[in-house]
Amino acid sequence: MQKGKVLSLKNFKFMDFVARNNILTILVVLIAGGIAVGIFTQSKIQLISEYSADYLERFIALRSGESFVSVALSSFMGSALVLLLLFAAGTSMLGVVLVPLLTAVRGMFFGGVSALLYSQYAVKGIAFNAVLIIPSAFVFVIALLLAARESMRFSVLIAKISLPGSPSVNLAFDFKNYCGRYLFIALIVLASALVDAVLSCSFLDSLIL
């Protein structure tokens, strides 16, 4: 009986977490679904196939024989572009639609790259993915989800005050907080770039495809 009470309490806490973090929960489902779609459709959808092949080519070209600083900067700039798109989307009512879409598409491309590595390079592709791509991508996905959540929240806020009959609201304070949170998220992206640079400079030569 006691065990049943504990189990019920855990279930309640989980549902309460989902209720308080519903946007984040939806985004996690979207990126996971996108990864699954990318994995299973990589060889069937030309856009994903071309992106995956081009991504691997650029990934190797931008890291082969390059310095730690060069790799870190290249990785950070590529990830910061995604962050910038999410930031811009969040400042519009359209962000309610665009942010989930961008999140799912990003997950789809992650899945496509993994599928290409596993299908064409077998064991070496698995090692390449596990050592060089997944660690930094995992850190970046955390930043991606946090950024997407902030963009969704701010976009929803803009949508609410834009409805007919809504009271006029000064968003200066909210926008300041929005920018501040993005600065923190940018630090996570920087950490992802540093992880990428460390692993690429250490293992790329031995794992190059």
N, C-alpha and C. Protein backbone atom coordinates (compact mmCIF):
# COMPACT_ATOMS: atom_id res chain seq x y z
N MET A 1 0.84 -1.20 0.00
CA MET A 1 0.00 0.00 0.00
C MET A 1 0.87 1.25 0.00
N GLN A 2 1.91 1.22 0.86
CA GLN A 2 2.85 2.34 0.92
C GLN A 2 3.53 2.56 -0.42
N LYS A 3 3.90 1.44 -1.08
CA LYS A 3 4.55 1.51 -2.39
C LYS A 3 3.65 2.19 -3.41
N GLY A 4 2.35 1.87 -3.33
CA GLY A 4 1.41 2.47 -4.25
C GLY A 4 1.31 3.97 -4.07
N LYS A 5 1.40 4.43 -2.81
CA LYS A 5 1.34 5.86 -2.52
C LYS A 5 2.55 6.57 -3.08
N VAL A 6 3.72 5.94 -2.93
CA VAL A 6 4.95 6.54 -3.45
C VAL A 6 4.90 6.64 -4.97
N LEU A 7 4.40 5.58 -5.60
CA LEU A 7 4.29 5.56 -7.06
C LEU A 7 3.34 6.64 -7.55
N SER A 8 2.23 6.80 -6.83
CA SER A 8 1.26 7.82 -7.21
C SER A 8 1.86 9.21 -7.08
N LEU A 9 2.66 9.42 -6.02
CA LEU A 9 3.29 10.70 -5.81
C LEU A 9 4.27 11.02 -6.93
N LYS A 10 5.03 10.01 -7.34
CA LYS A 10 5.98 10.20 -8.44
C LYS A 10 5.26 10.56 -9.72
N ASN A 11 4.16 9.85 -9.98
CA ASN A 11 3.39 10.13 -11.19
C ASN A 11 2.85 11.56 -11.17
N PHE A 12 2.40 11.99 -9.99
CA PHE A 12 1.87 13.33 -9.85
C PHE A 12 2.95 14.37 -10.13
N LYS A 13 4.15 14.14 -9.58
CA LYS A 13 5.25 15.08 -9.78
C LYS A 13 5.64 15.16 -11.26
N PHE A 14 5.59 14.00 -11.95
CA PHE A 14 5.93 13.99 -13.36
C PHE A 14 4.91 14.80 -14.16
N MET A 15 3.63 14.59 -13.88
CA MET A 15 2.58 15.32 -14.60
C MET A 15 2.65 16.81 -14.29
N ASP A 16 3.01 17.15 -13.03
CA ASP A 16 3.15 18.55 -12.66
C ASP A 16 4.31 19.19 -13.42
N PHE A 17 5.40 18.42 -13.59
CA PHE A 17 6.55 18.92 -14.36
C PHE A 17 6.15 19.17 -15.81
N VAL A 18 5.40 18.24 -16.39
CA VAL A 18 4.94 18.40 -17.78
C VAL A 18 4.06 19.63 -17.90
N ALA A 19 3.17 19.82 -16.93
CA ALA A 19 2.25 20.96 -16.97
C ALA A 19 3.00 22.29 -16.88
N ARG A 20 4.04 22.33 -16.03
CA ARG A 20 4.80 23.57 -15.85
C ARG A 20 5.80 23.81 -16.96
N ASN A 21 6.16 22.76 -17.68
CA ASN A 21 7.15 22.87 -18.74
C ASN A 21 6.60 22.36 -20.06
N ASN A 22 5.32 22.65 -20.32
CA ASN A 22 4.67 22.08 -21.50
C ASN A 22 5.35 22.48 -22.80
N ILE A 23 5.84 23.71 -22.88
CA ILE A 23 6.51 24.14 -24.11
C ILE A 23 7.78 23.33 -24.32
N LEU A 24 8.58 23.19 -23.26
CA LEU A 24 9.82 22.42 -23.36
C LEU A 24 9.53 20.97 -23.71
N THR A 25 8.48 20.41 -23.12
CA THR A 25 8.11 19.02 -23.39
C THR A 25 7.75 18.83 -24.87
N ILE A 26 6.97 19.76 -25.39
CA ILE A 26 6.58 19.70 -26.81
C ILE A 26 7.82 19.79 -27.70
N LEU A 27 8.75 20.69 -27.35
CA LEU A 27 9.95 20.86 -28.16
C LEU A 27 10.83 19.62 -28.14
N VAL A 28 10.93 18.97 -26.98
CA VAL A 28 11.70 17.72 -26.88
C VAL A 28 11.09 16.66 -27.78
N VAL A 29 9.76 16.55 -27.75
CA VAL A 29 9.07 15.58 -28.60
C VAL A 29 9.31 15.90 -30.07
N LEU A 30 9.28 17.18 -30.42
CA LEU A 30 9.48 17.58 -31.82
C LEU A 30 10.88 17.26 -32.31
N ILE A 31 11.90 17.56 -31.49
CA ILE A 31 13.25 17.30 -31.95
C ILE A 31 13.54 15.81 -32.00
N ALA A 32 12.97 15.05 -31.04
CA ALA A 32 13.13 13.60 -31.06
C ALA A 32 12.42 13.00 -32.28
N GLY A 33 11.22 13.52 -32.56
CA GLY A 33 10.50 13.06 -33.74
C GLY A 33 11.23 13.42 -35.02
N GLY A 34 11.83 14.62 -35.04
CA GLY A 34 12.60 15.03 -36.21
C GLY A 34 13.80 14.13 -36.44
N ILE A 35 14.49 13.77 -35.37
CA ILE A 35 15.64 12.85 -35.48
C ILE A 35 15.20 11.51 -36.05
N ALA A 36 14.08 11.00 -35.54
CA ALA A 36 13.56 9.72 -36.03
C ALA A 36 13.20 9.80 -37.51
N VAL A 37 12.54 10.89 -37.91
CA VAL A 37 12.18 11.06 -39.32
C VAL A 37 13.44 11.13 -40.19
N GLY A 38 14.45 11.86 -39.72
CA GLY A 38 15.70 11.97 -40.47
C GLY A 38 16.40 10.64 -40.65
N ILE A 39 16.39 9.84 -39.60
CA ILE A 39 17.04 8.52 -39.66
C ILE A 39 16.36 7.60 -40.66
N PHE A 40 15.04 7.59 -40.64
CA PHE A 40 14.30 6.64 -41.47
C PHE A 40 14.03 7.12 -42.89
N THR A 41 14.23 8.42 -43.14
CA THR A 41 13.93 8.93 -44.48
C THR A 41 15.16 9.51 -45.19
N GLN A 42 16.33 9.39 -44.58
CA GLN A 42 17.53 9.99 -45.14
C GLN A 42 17.79 9.56 -46.59
N SER A 43 17.60 8.29 -46.87
CA SER A 43 17.85 7.79 -48.22
C SER A 43 16.67 8.01 -49.17
N LYS A 44 15.54 8.47 -48.65
CA LYS A 44 14.35 8.61 -49.47
C LYS A 44 14.02 10.07 -49.82
N ILE A 45 14.45 10.99 -48.97
CA ILE A 45 14.17 12.41 -49.22
C ILE A 45 15.45 13.09 -49.68
N GLN A 46 15.43 13.63 -50.88
CA GLN A 46 16.63 14.18 -51.50
C GLN A 46 17.23 15.32 -50.69
N LEU A 47 16.39 16.18 -50.13
CA LEU A 47 16.88 17.33 -49.36
C LEU A 47 17.72 16.87 -48.17
N ILE A 48 17.23 15.85 -47.46
CA ILE A 48 17.97 15.36 -46.29
C ILE A 48 19.25 14.66 -46.73
N SER A 49 19.17 13.90 -47.81
CA SER A 49 20.36 13.20 -48.33
C SER A 49 21.45 14.19 -48.72
N GLU A 50 21.06 15.23 -49.45
CA GLU A 50 22.03 16.22 -49.91
C GLU A 50 22.61 17.01 -48.74
N TYR A 51 21.74 17.37 -47.80
CA TYR A 51 22.23 18.11 -46.64
C TYR A 51 23.22 17.28 -45.84
N SER A 52 22.90 16.01 -45.60
CA SER A 52 23.75 15.13 -44.80
C SER A 52 25.13 14.96 -45.44
N ALA A 53 25.15 14.72 -46.76
CA ALA A 53 26.42 14.56 -47.46
C ALA A 53 27.23 15.85 -47.43
N ASP A 54 26.55 16.99 -47.65
CA ASP A 54 27.23 18.28 -47.65
C ASP A 54 27.75 18.63 -46.25
N TYR A 55 26.96 18.29 -45.23
CA TYR A 55 27.36 18.57 -43.85
C TYR A 55 28.64 17.81 -43.49
N LEU A 56 28.69 16.53 -43.83
CA LEU A 56 29.88 15.74 -43.53
C LEU A 56 31.11 16.26 -44.28
N GLU A 57 30.90 16.63 -45.53
CA GLU A 57 32.01 17.17 -46.33
C GLU A 57 32.56 18.45 -45.71
N ARG A 58 31.64 19.35 -45.32
CA ARG A 58 32.08 20.61 -44.72
C ARG A 58 32.66 20.38 -43.33
N PHE A 59 32.09 19.45 -42.57
CA PHE A 59 32.56 19.14 -41.23
C PHE A 59 34.03 18.75 -41.26
N ILE A 60 34.38 17.88 -42.19
CA ILE A 60 35.76 17.40 -42.30
C ILE A 60 36.67 18.50 -42.86
N ALA A 61 36.19 19.20 -43.89
CA ALA A 61 37.01 20.23 -44.54
C ALA A 61 37.36 21.37 -43.59
N LEU A 62 36.42 21.77 -42.74
CA LEU A 62 36.63 22.89 -41.84
C LEU A 62 37.47 22.53 -40.62
N ARG A 63 37.75 21.24 -40.44
CA ARG A 63 38.50 20.81 -39.26
C ARG A 63 39.84 20.17 -39.58
N SER A 64 40.01 19.66 -40.78
CA SER A 64 41.25 18.97 -41.15
C SER A 64 42.42 19.96 -41.17
N GLY A 65 43.41 19.70 -40.33
CA GLY A 65 44.61 20.52 -40.30
C GLY A 65 44.42 21.91 -39.73
N GLU A 66 43.27 22.21 -39.14
CA GLU A 66 43.00 23.53 -38.60
C GLU A 66 43.37 23.61 -37.12
N SER A 67 43.61 24.82 -36.65
CA SER A 67 43.96 25.03 -35.25
C SER A 67 42.73 24.91 -34.36
N PHE A 68 42.98 24.80 -33.07
CA PHE A 68 41.89 24.70 -32.09
C PHE A 68 40.98 25.92 -32.17
N VAL A 69 41.58 27.11 -32.23
CA VAL A 69 40.79 28.35 -32.27
C VAL A 69 39.95 28.42 -33.54
N SER A 70 40.53 28.01 -34.66
CA SER A 70 39.81 28.05 -35.93
C SER A 70 38.60 27.12 -35.92
N VAL A 71 38.80 25.91 -35.39
CA VAL A 71 37.69 24.95 -35.32
C VAL A 71 36.60 25.44 -34.38
N ALA A 72 37.00 25.95 -33.22
CA ALA A 72 36.03 26.44 -32.24
C ALA A 72 35.23 27.60 -32.81
N LEU A 73 35.89 28.53 -33.50
CA LEU A 73 35.21 29.68 -34.08
C LEU A 73 34.24 29.26 -35.17
N SER A 74 34.68 28.34 -36.03
CA SER A 74 33.83 27.86 -37.12
C SER A 74 32.60 27.16 -36.56
N SER A 75 32.80 26.31 -35.55
CA SER A 75 31.69 25.60 -34.94
C SER A 75 30.73 26.56 -34.26
N PHE A 76 31.27 27.54 -33.55
CA PHE A 76 30.41 28.50 -32.84
C PHE A 76 29.59 29.33 -33.82
N MET A 77 30.20 29.78 -34.90
CA MET A 77 29.49 30.62 -35.86
C MET A 77 28.35 29.85 -36.53
N GLY A 78 28.60 28.57 -36.85
CA GLY A 78 27.54 27.76 -37.45
C GLY A 78 26.36 27.57 -36.52
N SER A 79 26.65 27.32 -35.25
CA SER A 79 25.57 27.13 -34.26
C SER A 79 24.89 28.45 -33.93
N ALA A 80 25.67 29.54 -33.89
CA ALA A 80 25.10 30.85 -33.58
C ALA A 80 24.10 31.30 -34.63
N LEU A 81 24.29 30.85 -35.87
CA LEU A 81 23.34 31.19 -36.93
C LEU A 81 21.96 30.61 -36.64
N VAL A 82 21.94 29.37 -36.15
CA VAL A 82 20.67 28.74 -35.77
C VAL A 82 20.04 29.51 -34.61
N LEU A 83 20.88 29.88 -33.65
CA LEU A 83 20.41 30.65 -32.49
C LEU A 83 19.81 31.98 -32.94
N LEU A 84 20.45 32.62 -33.90
CA LEU A 84 19.97 33.91 -34.41
C LEU A 84 18.61 33.76 -35.09
N LEU A 85 18.44 32.68 -35.84
CA LEU A 85 17.15 32.43 -36.49
C LEU A 85 16.04 32.25 -35.46
N LEU A 86 16.33 31.51 -34.39
CA LEU A 86 15.34 31.30 -33.34
C LEU A 86 15.03 32.60 -32.61
N PHE A 87 16.07 33.39 -32.36
CA PHE A 87 15.88 34.68 -31.68
C PHE A 87 14.97 35.58 -32.50
N ALA A 88 15.25 35.66 -33.80
CA ALA A 88 14.45 36.51 -34.69
C ALA A 88 13.01 36.01 -34.77
N ALA A 89 12.84 34.69 -34.85
CA ALA A 89 11.50 34.11 -34.93
C ALA A 89 10.69 34.42 -33.68
N GLY A 90 11.37 34.44 -32.54
CA GLY A 90 10.69 34.70 -31.27
C GLY A 90 10.18 36.11 -31.11
N THR A 91 10.67 37.04 -31.92
CA THR A 91 10.22 38.43 -31.82
C THR A 91 9.01 38.72 -32.71
N SER A 92 8.40 37.67 -33.21
CA SER A 92 7.23 37.83 -34.07
C SER A 92 6.15 36.84 -33.65
N MET A 93 4.90 37.17 -33.97
CA MET A 93 3.81 36.23 -33.72
C MET A 93 4.00 34.93 -34.50
N LEU A 94 4.69 35.03 -35.64
CA LEU A 94 4.93 33.84 -36.46
C LEU A 94 5.83 32.84 -35.75
N GLY A 95 6.52 33.29 -34.71
CA GLY A 95 7.40 32.39 -33.97
C GLY A 95 6.66 31.20 -33.38
N VAL A 96 5.38 31.38 -33.08
CA VAL A 96 4.58 30.29 -32.52
C VAL A 96 4.58 29.08 -33.47
N VAL A 97 4.68 29.37 -34.78
CA VAL A 97 4.71 28.31 -35.79
C VAL A 97 6.14 28.01 -36.22
N LEU A 98 6.94 29.08 -36.43
CA LEU A 98 8.28 28.91 -36.97
C LEU A 98 9.24 28.21 -36.02
N VAL A 99 9.16 28.52 -34.74
CA VAL A 99 10.11 27.94 -33.77
C VAL A 99 9.96 26.41 -33.67
N PRO A 100 8.75 25.88 -33.49
CA PRO A 100 8.63 24.41 -33.49
C PRO A 100 9.08 23.79 -34.80
N LEU A 101 8.79 24.47 -35.92
CA LEU A 101 9.20 23.96 -37.23
C LEU A 101 10.72 23.91 -37.35
N LEU A 102 11.40 24.98 -36.95
CA LEU A 102 12.86 25.01 -37.01
C LEU A 102 13.47 23.94 -36.11
N THR A 103 12.87 23.73 -34.94
CA THR A 103 13.36 22.72 -34.01
C THR A 103 13.24 21.32 -34.61
N ALA A 104 12.09 21.02 -35.19
CA ALA A 104 11.88 19.70 -35.79
C ALA A 104 12.80 19.49 -36.99
N VAL A 105 12.98 20.52 -37.80
CA VAL A 105 13.85 20.41 -38.98
C VAL A 105 15.29 20.18 -38.55
N ARG A 106 15.72 20.89 -37.52
CA ARG A 106 17.09 20.69 -37.04
C ARG A 106 17.28 19.25 -36.56
N GLY A 107 16.30 18.72 -35.85
CA GLY A 107 16.38 17.33 -35.42
C GLY A 107 16.41 16.37 -36.59
N MET A 108 15.64 16.68 -37.63
CA MET A 108 15.59 15.85 -38.83
C MET A 108 16.96 15.78 -39.50
N PHE A 109 17.65 16.92 -39.54
CA PHE A 109 18.98 16.94 -40.15
C PHE A 109 20.00 16.18 -39.30
N PHE A 110 19.88 16.27 -37.98
CA PHE A 110 20.74 15.48 -37.09
C PHE A 110 20.57 13.99 -37.39
N GLY A 111 19.32 13.57 -37.49
CA GLY A 111 19.03 12.16 -37.78
C GLY A 111 19.54 11.74 -39.14
N GLY A 112 19.43 12.63 -40.13
CA GLY A 112 19.91 12.32 -41.48
C GLY A 112 21.40 12.10 -41.52
N VAL A 113 22.16 12.94 -40.81
CA VAL A 113 23.62 12.79 -40.78
C VAL A 113 24.00 11.47 -40.12
N SER A 114 23.34 11.13 -39.02
CA SER A 114 23.62 9.87 -38.34
C SER A 114 23.32 8.68 -39.23
N ALA A 115 22.18 8.74 -39.92
CA ALA A 115 21.80 7.64 -40.81
C ALA A 115 22.82 7.45 -41.93
N LEU A 116 23.29 8.56 -42.49
CA LEU A 116 24.29 8.49 -43.55
C LEU A 116 25.59 7.86 -43.05
N LEU A 117 26.02 8.26 -41.88
CA LEU A 117 27.26 7.70 -41.31
C LEU A 117 27.12 6.21 -41.07
N TYR A 118 25.99 5.79 -40.52
CA TYR A 118 25.81 4.37 -40.19
C TYR A 118 25.64 3.52 -41.44
N SER A 119 24.94 4.04 -42.44
CA SER A 119 24.64 3.23 -43.63
C SER A 119 25.82 3.13 -44.59
N GLN A 120 26.63 4.18 -44.68
CA GLN A 120 27.71 4.18 -45.66
C GLN A 120 29.08 3.86 -45.09
N TYR A 121 29.28 4.09 -43.80
CA TYR A 121 30.62 3.91 -43.24
C TYR A 121 30.69 2.87 -42.13
N ALA A 122 29.57 2.22 -41.87
CA ALA A 122 29.51 1.09 -40.92
C ALA A 122 30.17 1.44 -39.58
N VAL A 123 31.09 0.58 -39.11
CA VAL A 123 31.69 0.74 -37.79
C VAL A 123 32.44 2.06 -37.67
N LYS A 124 33.16 2.43 -38.72
CA LYS A 124 33.91 3.68 -38.69
C LYS A 124 32.96 4.88 -38.60
N GLY A 125 31.83 4.78 -39.27
CA GLY A 125 30.83 5.85 -39.19
C GLY A 125 30.24 5.97 -37.81
N ILE A 126 30.01 4.82 -37.16
CA ILE A 126 29.49 4.83 -35.79
C ILE A 126 30.49 5.49 -34.85
N ALA A 127 31.77 5.14 -35.00
CA ALA A 127 32.81 5.73 -34.17
C ALA A 127 32.93 7.23 -34.43
N PHE A 128 32.88 7.62 -35.69
CA PHE A 128 32.97 9.04 -36.08
C PHE A 128 31.84 9.83 -35.42
N ASN A 129 30.64 9.29 -35.50
CA ASN A 129 29.48 9.96 -34.93
C ASN A 129 29.57 10.04 -33.41
N ALA A 130 29.95 8.93 -32.79
CA ALA A 130 29.99 8.86 -31.33
C ALA A 130 31.05 9.76 -30.73
N VAL A 131 32.19 9.87 -31.41
CA VAL A 131 33.31 10.63 -30.85
C VAL A 131 33.31 12.09 -31.29
N LEU A 132 33.02 12.36 -32.55
CA LEU A 132 33.19 13.70 -33.09
C LEU A 132 31.92 14.54 -33.19
N ILE A 133 30.78 13.90 -33.36
CA ILE A 133 29.55 14.67 -33.60
C ILE A 133 28.62 14.70 -32.39
N ILE A 134 28.32 13.54 -31.83
CA ILE A 134 27.31 13.47 -30.78
C ILE A 134 27.64 14.29 -29.54
N PRO A 135 28.88 14.26 -29.00
CA PRO A 135 29.14 15.03 -27.76
C PRO A 135 28.83 16.52 -27.88
N SER A 136 29.35 17.17 -28.91
CA SER A 136 29.09 18.61 -29.07
C SER A 136 27.64 18.85 -29.48
N ALA A 137 27.07 17.93 -30.28
CA ALA A 137 25.67 18.08 -30.69
C ALA A 137 24.74 17.97 -29.50
N PHE A 138 25.07 17.11 -28.54
CA PHE A 138 24.25 16.96 -27.33
C PHE A 138 24.20 18.27 -26.55
N VAL A 139 25.37 18.90 -26.39
CA VAL A 139 25.42 20.19 -25.68
C VAL A 139 24.64 21.24 -26.46
N PHE A 140 24.80 21.22 -27.79
CA PHE A 140 24.09 22.20 -28.61
C PHE A 140 22.58 22.00 -28.55
N VAL A 141 22.12 20.77 -28.50
CA VAL A 141 20.68 20.50 -28.43
C VAL A 141 20.09 21.08 -27.15
N ILE A 142 20.84 21.04 -26.05
CA ILE A 142 20.38 21.67 -24.81
C ILE A 142 20.15 23.16 -25.04
N ALA A 143 21.14 23.81 -25.68
CA ALA A 143 21.01 25.23 -25.99
C ALA A 143 19.85 25.47 -26.96
N LEU A 144 19.71 24.61 -27.94
CA LEU A 144 18.63 24.73 -28.92
C LEU A 144 17.26 24.67 -28.26
N LEU A 145 17.07 23.73 -27.35
CA LEU A 145 15.78 23.58 -26.68
C LEU A 145 15.49 24.78 -25.78
N LEU A 146 16.50 25.24 -25.06
CA LEU A 146 16.30 26.41 -24.18
C LEU A 146 15.98 27.65 -25.01
N ALA A 147 16.70 27.83 -26.12
CA ALA A 147 16.46 28.98 -26.99
C ALA A 147 15.06 28.91 -27.61
N ALA A 148 14.68 27.73 -28.07
CA ALA A 148 13.36 27.56 -28.68
C ALA A 148 12.26 27.83 -27.66
N ARG A 149 12.48 27.39 -26.41
CA ARG A 149 11.48 27.66 -25.37
C ARG A 149 11.32 29.15 -25.12
N GLU A 150 12.44 29.87 -25.02
CA GLU A 150 12.37 31.32 -24.79
C GLU A 150 11.70 32.02 -25.96
N SER A 151 12.01 31.59 -27.17
CA SER A 151 11.40 32.19 -28.35
C SER A 151 9.90 31.94 -28.40
N MET A 152 9.50 30.73 -28.04
CA MET A 152 8.07 30.40 -28.02
C MET A 152 7.34 31.25 -26.98
N ARG A 153 7.94 31.37 -25.81
CA ARG A 153 7.30 32.16 -24.75
C ARG A 153 7.12 33.61 -25.17
N PHE A 154 8.17 34.20 -25.74
CA PHE A 154 8.10 35.60 -26.12
C PHE A 154 7.14 35.80 -27.30
N SER A 155 7.13 34.86 -28.22
CA SER A 155 6.22 34.93 -29.35
C SER A 155 4.77 34.83 -28.89
N VAL A 156 4.50 33.95 -27.94
CA VAL A 156 3.15 33.81 -27.38
C VAL A 156 2.73 35.11 -26.69
N LEU A 157 3.69 35.72 -25.97
CA LEU A 157 3.40 36.99 -25.29
C LEU A 157 3.03 38.07 -26.30
N ILE A 158 3.77 38.14 -27.40
CA ILE A 158 3.47 39.12 -28.45
C ILE A 158 2.10 38.84 -29.05
N ALA A 159 1.80 37.57 -29.27
CA ALA A 159 0.51 37.20 -29.85
C ALA A 159 -0.64 37.60 -28.93
N LYS A 160 -0.46 37.43 -27.62
CA LYS A 160 -1.52 37.76 -26.66
C LYS A 160 -1.85 39.24 -26.66
N ILE A 161 -0.81 40.07 -26.66
CA ILE A 161 -1.06 41.52 -26.59
C ILE A 161 -1.49 42.09 -27.95
N SER A 162 -1.37 41.27 -29.00
CA SER A 162 -1.76 41.73 -30.34
C SER A 162 -3.22 41.43 -30.64
N LEU A 163 -3.87 40.66 -29.77
CA LEU A 163 -5.27 40.34 -29.98
C LEU A 163 -6.15 41.58 -29.81
N PRO A 164 -7.24 41.67 -30.58
CA PRO A 164 -8.14 42.82 -30.44
C PRO A 164 -8.67 42.93 -29.01
N GLY A 165 -8.65 44.13 -28.48
CA GLY A 165 -9.17 44.35 -27.13
C GLY A 165 -8.16 44.12 -26.03
N SER A 166 -6.95 43.67 -26.37
CA SER A 166 -5.93 43.42 -25.35
C SER A 166 -5.37 44.75 -24.86
N PRO A 167 -5.09 44.85 -23.56
CA PRO A 167 -4.53 46.11 -23.03
C PRO A 167 -3.12 46.35 -23.55
N SER A 168 -2.75 47.60 -23.67
CA SER A 168 -1.41 47.96 -24.14
C SER A 168 -0.38 47.59 -23.06
N VAL A 169 0.69 46.93 -23.50
CA VAL A 169 1.72 46.47 -22.56
C VAL A 169 3.09 46.89 -23.08
N ASN A 170 3.93 47.40 -22.18
CA ASN A 170 5.30 47.76 -22.52
C ASN A 170 6.17 46.51 -22.39
N LEU A 171 6.74 46.05 -23.52
CA LEU A 171 7.52 44.81 -23.52
C LEU A 171 9.02 45.04 -23.29
N ALA A 172 9.40 46.27 -22.93
CA ALA A 172 10.82 46.58 -22.79
C ALA A 172 11.50 45.67 -21.76
N PHE A 173 10.85 45.50 -20.61
CA PHE A 173 11.44 44.66 -19.55
C PHE A 173 11.50 43.20 -19.99
N ASP A 174 10.42 42.72 -20.61
CA ASP A 174 10.38 41.34 -21.08
C ASP A 174 11.43 41.09 -22.17
N PHE A 175 11.60 42.08 -23.06
CA PHE A 175 12.58 41.92 -24.12
C PHE A 175 14.00 41.93 -23.56
N LYS A 176 14.22 42.74 -22.53
CA LYS A 176 15.52 42.77 -21.87
C LYS A 176 15.84 41.40 -21.27
N ASN A 177 14.87 40.80 -20.61
CA ASN A 177 15.05 39.46 -20.06
C ASN A 177 15.27 38.42 -21.16
N TYR A 178 14.54 38.60 -22.25
CA TYR A 178 14.67 37.70 -23.41
C TYR A 178 16.10 37.73 -23.95
N CYS A 179 16.65 38.91 -24.10
CA CYS A 179 18.03 39.05 -24.59
C CYS A 179 19.03 38.49 -23.59
N GLY A 180 18.78 38.73 -22.30
CA GLY A 180 19.67 38.22 -21.27
C GLY A 180 19.72 36.71 -21.24
N ARG A 181 18.57 36.07 -21.40
CA ARG A 181 18.54 34.61 -21.42
C ARG A 181 19.27 34.07 -22.65
N TYR A 182 19.14 34.77 -23.76
CA TYR A 182 19.84 34.34 -24.98
C TYR A 182 21.36 34.47 -24.83
N LEU A 183 21.81 35.47 -24.09
CA LEU A 183 23.24 35.60 -23.83
C LEU A 183 23.75 34.40 -23.04
N PHE A 184 22.97 33.96 -22.06
CA PHE A 184 23.34 32.77 -21.30
C PHE A 184 23.35 31.53 -22.20
N ILE A 185 22.35 31.42 -23.07
CA ILE A 185 22.29 30.28 -23.98
C ILE A 185 23.47 30.30 -24.94
N ALA A 186 23.91 31.50 -25.33
CA ALA A 186 25.08 31.62 -26.21
C ALA A 186 26.33 31.02 -25.55
N LEU A 187 26.40 31.11 -24.23
CA LEU A 187 27.53 30.52 -23.51
C LEU A 187 27.50 28.99 -23.62
N ILE A 188 26.31 28.41 -23.63
CA ILE A 188 26.18 26.96 -23.81
C ILE A 188 26.62 26.57 -25.22
N VAL A 189 26.25 27.40 -26.19
CA VAL A 189 26.69 27.16 -27.58
C VAL A 189 28.21 27.25 -27.66
N LEU A 190 28.80 28.20 -26.95
CA LEU A 190 30.26 28.32 -26.92
C LEU A 190 30.88 27.06 -26.32
N ALA A 191 30.27 26.53 -25.27
CA ALA A 191 30.76 25.29 -24.67
C ALA A 191 30.70 24.14 -25.68
N SER A 192 29.63 24.11 -26.46
CA SER A 192 29.49 23.09 -27.50
C SER A 192 30.61 23.22 -28.53
N ALA A 193 30.93 24.45 -28.91
CA ALA A 193 32.00 24.69 -29.89
C ALA A 193 33.37 24.28 -29.33
N LEU A 194 33.58 24.52 -28.06
CA LEU A 194 34.86 24.14 -27.43
C LEU A 194 34.99 22.61 -27.37
N VAL A 195 33.90 21.93 -27.04
CA VAL A 195 33.91 20.46 -27.04
C VAL A 195 34.22 19.94 -28.44
N ASP A 196 33.57 20.54 -29.44
CA ASP A 196 33.80 20.18 -30.84
C ASP A 196 35.28 20.35 -31.19
N ALA A 197 35.86 21.48 -30.81
CA ALA A 197 37.26 21.77 -31.15
C ALA A 197 38.22 20.79 -30.47
N VAL A 198 37.98 20.51 -29.21
CA VAL A 198 38.85 19.56 -28.47
C VAL A 198 38.83 18.19 -29.12
N LEU A 199 37.64 17.68 -29.40
CA LEU A 199 37.52 16.33 -29.98
C LEU A 199 38.03 16.28 -31.41
N SER A 200 37.73 17.31 -32.19
CA SER A 200 38.19 17.33 -33.59
C SER A 200 39.70 17.37 -33.68
N CYS A 201 40.32 18.23 -32.87
CA CYS A 201 41.79 18.35 -32.91
C CYS A 201 42.48 17.11 -32.35
N SER A 202 41.76 16.37 -31.52
CA SER A 202 42.36 15.18 -30.89
C SER A 202 42.16 13.90 -31.71
N PHE A 203 41.00 13.76 -32.35
CA PHE A 203 40.65 12.46 -32.94
C PHE A 203 40.32 12.46 -34.43
N LEU A 204 40.17 13.63 -35.05
CA LEU A 204 39.73 13.66 -36.45
C LEU A 204 40.67 12.90 -37.37
N ASP A 205 41.96 13.07 -37.19
CA ASP A 205 42.93 12.41 -38.10
C ASP A 205 42.81 10.89 -38.06
N SER A 206 42.50 10.35 -36.89
CA SER A 206 42.42 8.88 -36.77
C SER A 206 41.07 8.33 -37.18
N LEU A 207 40.07 9.22 -37.25
CA LEU A 207 38.70 8.75 -37.59
C LEU A 207 38.20 9.28 -38.92
N ILE A 208 39.05 9.97 -39.66
CA ILE A 208 38.60 10.60 -40.90
C ILE A 208 38.05 9.55 -41.87
N LEU A 209 36.96 9.89 -42.53
CA LEU A 209 36.25 8.93 -43.38
C LEU A 209 36.90 8.81 -44.75
